[in-house]
Amino acid sequence: MYSFITEEKDKIVNKKKAKGVKKNVIKKEITHDNYLIVPFNNQKMHHQMRSIRSELHQISSYHLNKVSLFTVLLMIRGIF
């Protein structure tokens, strides 16, 4: 997960990436400030996503509550 702000052709562009998180959640709900706040406060953020999947030719919709942003230190310490 990372986020950076650049200037392209007199326009400020915010590039955000988070593995395993839907693009619309990244675009609408996660801000650049979230990427700055989470690591320094040892937090983790959850976001809700909807997904359509097919299992054994049966289509179903899922409501997922996934961890979208987290601190790597939490993983190393075994808290995550």
N, C-alpha and C. Protein backbone atom coordinates (compact mmCIF):
# COMPACT_ATOMS: atom_id res chain seq x y z
N MET A 1 0.83 -1.17 0.00
CA MET A 1 0.00 0.00 0.00
C MET A 1 0.88 1.24 0.00
N TYR A 2 0.52 2.17 -0.85
CA TYR A 2 1.25 3.42 -0.90
C TYR A 2 0.38 4.48 -1.54
N SER A 3 0.78 5.72 -1.33
CA SER A 3 0.08 6.86 -1.90
C SER A 3 1.08 7.98 -2.09
N PHE A 4 0.99 8.67 -3.22
CA PHE A 4 1.83 9.84 -3.44
C PHE A 4 1.08 10.85 -4.29
N ILE A 5 1.49 12.11 -4.16
CA ILE A 5 0.86 13.21 -4.88
C ILE A 5 1.89 13.79 -5.84
N THR A 6 1.50 13.94 -7.10
CA THR A 6 2.39 14.51 -8.12
C THR A 6 1.66 15.63 -8.86
N GLU A 7 2.44 16.37 -9.63
CA GLU A 7 1.86 17.41 -10.45
C GLU A 7 2.15 17.08 -11.91
N GLU A 8 1.10 16.89 -12.68
CA GLU A 8 1.23 16.57 -14.09
C GLU A 8 0.44 17.58 -14.91
N LYS A 9 1.12 18.29 -15.79
CA LYS A 9 0.48 19.28 -16.67
C LYS A 9 -0.36 20.26 -15.88
N ASP A 10 0.22 20.88 -14.88
CA ASP A 10 -0.45 21.88 -14.03
C ASP A 10 -1.69 21.33 -13.33
N LYS A 11 -1.68 20.03 -13.07
CA LYS A 11 -2.80 19.38 -12.38
C LYS A 11 -2.23 18.48 -11.29
N ILE A 12 -2.77 18.56 -10.09
CA ILE A 12 -2.31 17.74 -8.98
C ILE A 12 -3.01 16.38 -9.05
N VAL A 13 -2.20 15.31 -9.06
CA VAL A 13 -2.73 13.95 -9.20
C VAL A 13 -2.34 13.15 -7.96
N ASN A 14 -3.30 12.45 -7.37
CA ASN A 14 -3.05 11.61 -6.21
C ASN A 14 -3.11 10.15 -6.65
N LYS A 15 -2.01 9.43 -6.55
CA LYS A 15 -1.95 8.01 -6.91
C LYS A 15 -2.02 7.20 -5.63
N LYS A 16 -3.00 6.29 -5.54
CA LYS A 16 -3.18 5.47 -4.35
C LYS A 16 -3.26 4.02 -4.75
N LYS A 17 -2.59 3.14 -3.99
CA LYS A 17 -2.63 1.70 -4.23
C LYS A 17 -2.80 0.99 -2.89
N ALA A 18 -3.60 -0.05 -2.90
CA ALA A 18 -3.78 -0.92 -1.73
C ALA A 18 -4.13 -2.31 -2.26
N LYS A 19 -3.33 -3.27 -1.93
CA LYS A 19 -3.52 -4.62 -2.46
C LYS A 19 -4.75 -5.28 -1.83
N GLY A 20 -5.59 -5.89 -2.68
CA GLY A 20 -6.76 -6.61 -2.21
C GLY A 20 -7.96 -5.75 -1.92
N VAL A 21 -7.87 -4.45 -2.23
CA VAL A 21 -8.98 -3.53 -1.96
C VAL A 21 -9.55 -3.09 -3.30
N LYS A 22 -10.87 -3.08 -3.41
CA LYS A 22 -11.53 -2.70 -4.65
C LYS A 22 -11.17 -1.26 -5.04
N LYS A 23 -11.10 -1.01 -6.34
CA LYS A 23 -10.70 0.30 -6.85
C LYS A 23 -11.66 1.41 -6.43
N ASN A 24 -12.96 1.12 -6.42
CA ASN A 24 -13.91 2.16 -6.04
C ASN A 24 -13.78 2.53 -4.56
N VAL A 25 -13.39 1.60 -3.71
CA VAL A 25 -13.16 1.91 -2.29
C VAL A 25 -11.94 2.80 -2.15
N ILE A 26 -10.88 2.48 -2.88
CA ILE A 26 -9.67 3.31 -2.84
C ILE A 26 -9.98 4.71 -3.34
N LYS A 27 -10.75 4.81 -4.40
CA LYS A 27 -11.04 6.10 -5.02
C LYS A 27 -11.95 6.96 -4.16
N LYS A 28 -12.99 6.36 -3.56
CA LYS A 28 -14.02 7.14 -2.87
C LYS A 28 -13.82 7.28 -1.37
N GLU A 29 -13.24 6.28 -0.71
CA GLU A 29 -13.24 6.28 0.75
C GLU A 29 -11.88 6.49 1.40
N ILE A 30 -10.80 6.09 0.74
CA ILE A 30 -9.46 6.20 1.33
C ILE A 30 -8.79 7.46 0.80
N THR A 31 -8.25 8.27 1.70
CA THR A 31 -7.57 9.50 1.32
C THR A 31 -6.07 9.38 1.55
N HIS A 32 -5.33 10.34 1.03
CA HIS A 32 -3.88 10.37 1.23
C HIS A 32 -3.55 10.53 2.71
N ASP A 33 -4.37 11.27 3.43
CA ASP A 33 -4.14 11.46 4.87
C ASP A 33 -4.26 10.15 5.64
N ASN A 34 -5.12 9.24 5.18
CA ASN A 34 -5.23 7.93 5.83
C ASN A 34 -3.92 7.16 5.75
N TYR A 35 -3.24 7.26 4.61
CA TYR A 35 -1.95 6.60 4.44
C TYR A 35 -0.90 7.18 5.38
N LEU A 36 -1.04 8.45 5.75
CA LEU A 36 -0.10 9.08 6.67
C LEU A 36 -0.43 8.81 8.13
N ILE A 37 -1.70 8.73 8.46
CA ILE A 37 -2.13 8.58 9.86
C ILE A 37 -1.94 7.14 10.36
N VAL A 38 -2.29 6.15 9.56
CA VAL A 38 -2.29 4.75 9.99
C VAL A 38 -0.93 4.27 10.49
N PRO A 39 0.18 4.47 9.78
CA PRO A 39 1.46 3.93 10.26
C PRO A 39 1.96 4.58 11.55
N PHE A 40 1.71 5.86 11.71
CA PHE A 40 2.24 6.56 12.88
C PHE A 40 1.42 6.34 14.14
N ASN A 41 0.18 5.89 14.01
CA ASN A 41 -0.68 5.65 15.17
C ASN A 41 -0.90 4.16 15.43
N ASN A 42 -0.19 3.29 14.70
CA ASN A 42 -0.34 1.83 14.84
C ASN A 42 -1.80 1.41 14.78
N GLN A 43 -2.48 1.86 13.74
CA GLN A 43 -3.89 1.55 13.55
C GLN A 43 -4.06 0.59 12.37
N LYS A 44 -5.25 0.09 12.22
CA LYS A 44 -5.64 -0.59 10.99
C LYS A 44 -7.05 -0.15 10.64
N MET A 45 -7.31 0.01 9.35
CA MET A 45 -8.60 0.49 8.88
C MET A 45 -9.34 -0.64 8.16
N HIS A 46 -10.63 -0.73 8.42
CA HIS A 46 -11.50 -1.70 7.76
C HIS A 46 -12.42 -0.95 6.80
N HIS A 47 -12.68 -1.55 5.65
CA HIS A 47 -13.64 -0.99 4.71
C HIS A 47 -14.54 -2.11 4.20
N GLN A 48 -15.78 -1.74 3.91
CA GLN A 48 -16.75 -2.72 3.42
C GLN A 48 -16.77 -2.71 1.90
N MET A 49 -16.81 -3.92 1.32
CA MET A 49 -16.83 -4.07 -0.13
C MET A 49 -17.87 -5.11 -0.50
N ARG A 50 -18.41 -4.97 -1.68
CA ARG A 50 -19.34 -5.95 -2.22
C ARG A 50 -18.70 -6.62 -3.42
N SER A 51 -18.97 -7.91 -3.57
CA SER A 51 -18.35 -8.69 -4.63
C SER A 51 -19.33 -9.72 -5.15
N ILE A 52 -19.21 -10.03 -6.44
CA ILE A 52 -20.01 -11.09 -7.05
C ILE A 52 -19.06 -12.20 -7.44
N ARG A 53 -19.34 -13.42 -7.00
CA ARG A 53 -18.48 -14.56 -7.28
C ARG A 53 -19.30 -15.74 -7.76
N SER A 54 -18.62 -16.62 -8.45
CA SER A 54 -19.24 -17.85 -8.92
C SER A 54 -18.52 -19.03 -8.29
N GLU A 55 -19.26 -19.89 -7.60
CA GLU A 55 -18.71 -21.11 -7.01
C GLU A 55 -19.56 -22.29 -7.48
N LEU A 56 -18.93 -23.21 -8.16
CA LEU A 56 -19.62 -24.39 -8.71
C LEU A 56 -20.82 -23.97 -9.57
N HIS A 57 -20.61 -22.98 -10.41
CA HIS A 57 -21.61 -22.46 -11.35
C HIS A 57 -22.81 -21.81 -10.65
N GLN A 58 -22.67 -21.46 -9.40
CA GLN A 58 -23.70 -20.74 -8.67
C GLN A 58 -23.21 -19.31 -8.42
N ILE A 59 -23.91 -18.34 -8.94
CA ILE A 59 -23.52 -16.94 -8.76
C ILE A 59 -24.12 -16.42 -7.47
N SER A 60 -23.28 -15.76 -6.68
CA SER A 60 -23.76 -15.18 -5.43
C SER A 60 -23.01 -13.88 -5.15
N SER A 61 -23.62 -13.04 -4.35
CA SER A 61 -22.99 -11.78 -3.99
C SER A 61 -22.52 -11.86 -2.53
N TYR A 62 -21.42 -11.20 -2.26
CA TYR A 62 -20.81 -11.22 -0.94
C TYR A 62 -20.62 -9.81 -0.42
N HIS A 63 -20.76 -9.67 0.87
CA HIS A 63 -20.48 -8.42 1.56
C HIS A 63 -19.24 -8.67 2.41
N LEU A 64 -18.12 -8.03 2.05
CA LEU A 64 -16.85 -8.26 2.73
C LEU A 64 -16.48 -7.07 3.60
N ASN A 65 -15.90 -7.35 4.74
CA ASN A 65 -15.35 -6.33 5.62
C ASN A 65 -13.86 -6.64 5.73
N LYS A 66 -13.03 -5.96 4.94
CA LYS A 66 -11.62 -6.28 4.85
C LYS A 66 -10.77 -5.21 5.50
N VAL A 67 -9.59 -5.63 5.94
CA VAL A 67 -8.59 -4.68 6.42
C VAL A 67 -7.97 -4.04 5.19
N SER A 68 -8.10 -2.73 5.07
CA SER A 68 -7.61 -2.05 3.88
C SER A 68 -6.25 -1.41 4.10
N LEU A 69 -6.04 -0.78 5.23
CA LEU A 69 -4.76 -0.17 5.57
C LEU A 69 -4.33 -0.66 6.94
N PHE A 70 -3.05 -1.00 7.07
CA PHE A 70 -2.54 -1.45 8.35
C PHE A 70 -1.07 -1.11 8.45
N THR A 71 -0.52 -1.22 9.64
CA THR A 71 0.87 -0.94 9.89
C THR A 71 1.65 -2.24 9.82
N VAL A 72 2.77 -2.21 9.13
CA VAL A 72 3.60 -3.41 9.00
C VAL A 72 4.15 -3.83 10.35
N LEU A 73 4.37 -2.89 11.25
CA LEU A 73 4.88 -3.23 12.59
C LEU A 73 3.90 -4.11 13.34
N LEU A 74 2.60 -3.95 13.10
CA LEU A 74 1.62 -4.81 13.75
C LEU A 74 1.78 -6.26 13.29
N MET A 75 2.08 -6.45 12.00
CA MET A 75 2.28 -7.80 11.48
C MET A 75 3.53 -8.44 12.08
N ILE A 76 4.61 -7.67 12.20
CA ILE A 76 5.87 -8.19 12.72
C ILE A 76 5.72 -8.59 14.19
N ARG A 77 4.99 -7.80 14.94
CA ARG A 77 4.82 -8.07 16.37
C ARG A 77 3.80 -9.19 16.64
N GLY A 78 3.08 -9.61 15.63
CA GLY A 78 2.10 -10.67 15.80
C GLY A 78 0.75 -10.20 16.29
N ILE A 79 0.52 -8.90 16.25
CA ILE A 79 -0.75 -8.34 16.71
C ILE A 79 -1.81 -8.50 15.62
N PHE A 80 -1.43 -8.47 14.38
CA PHE A 80 -2.36 -8.49 13.25
C PHE A 80 -2.98 -9.83 13.07
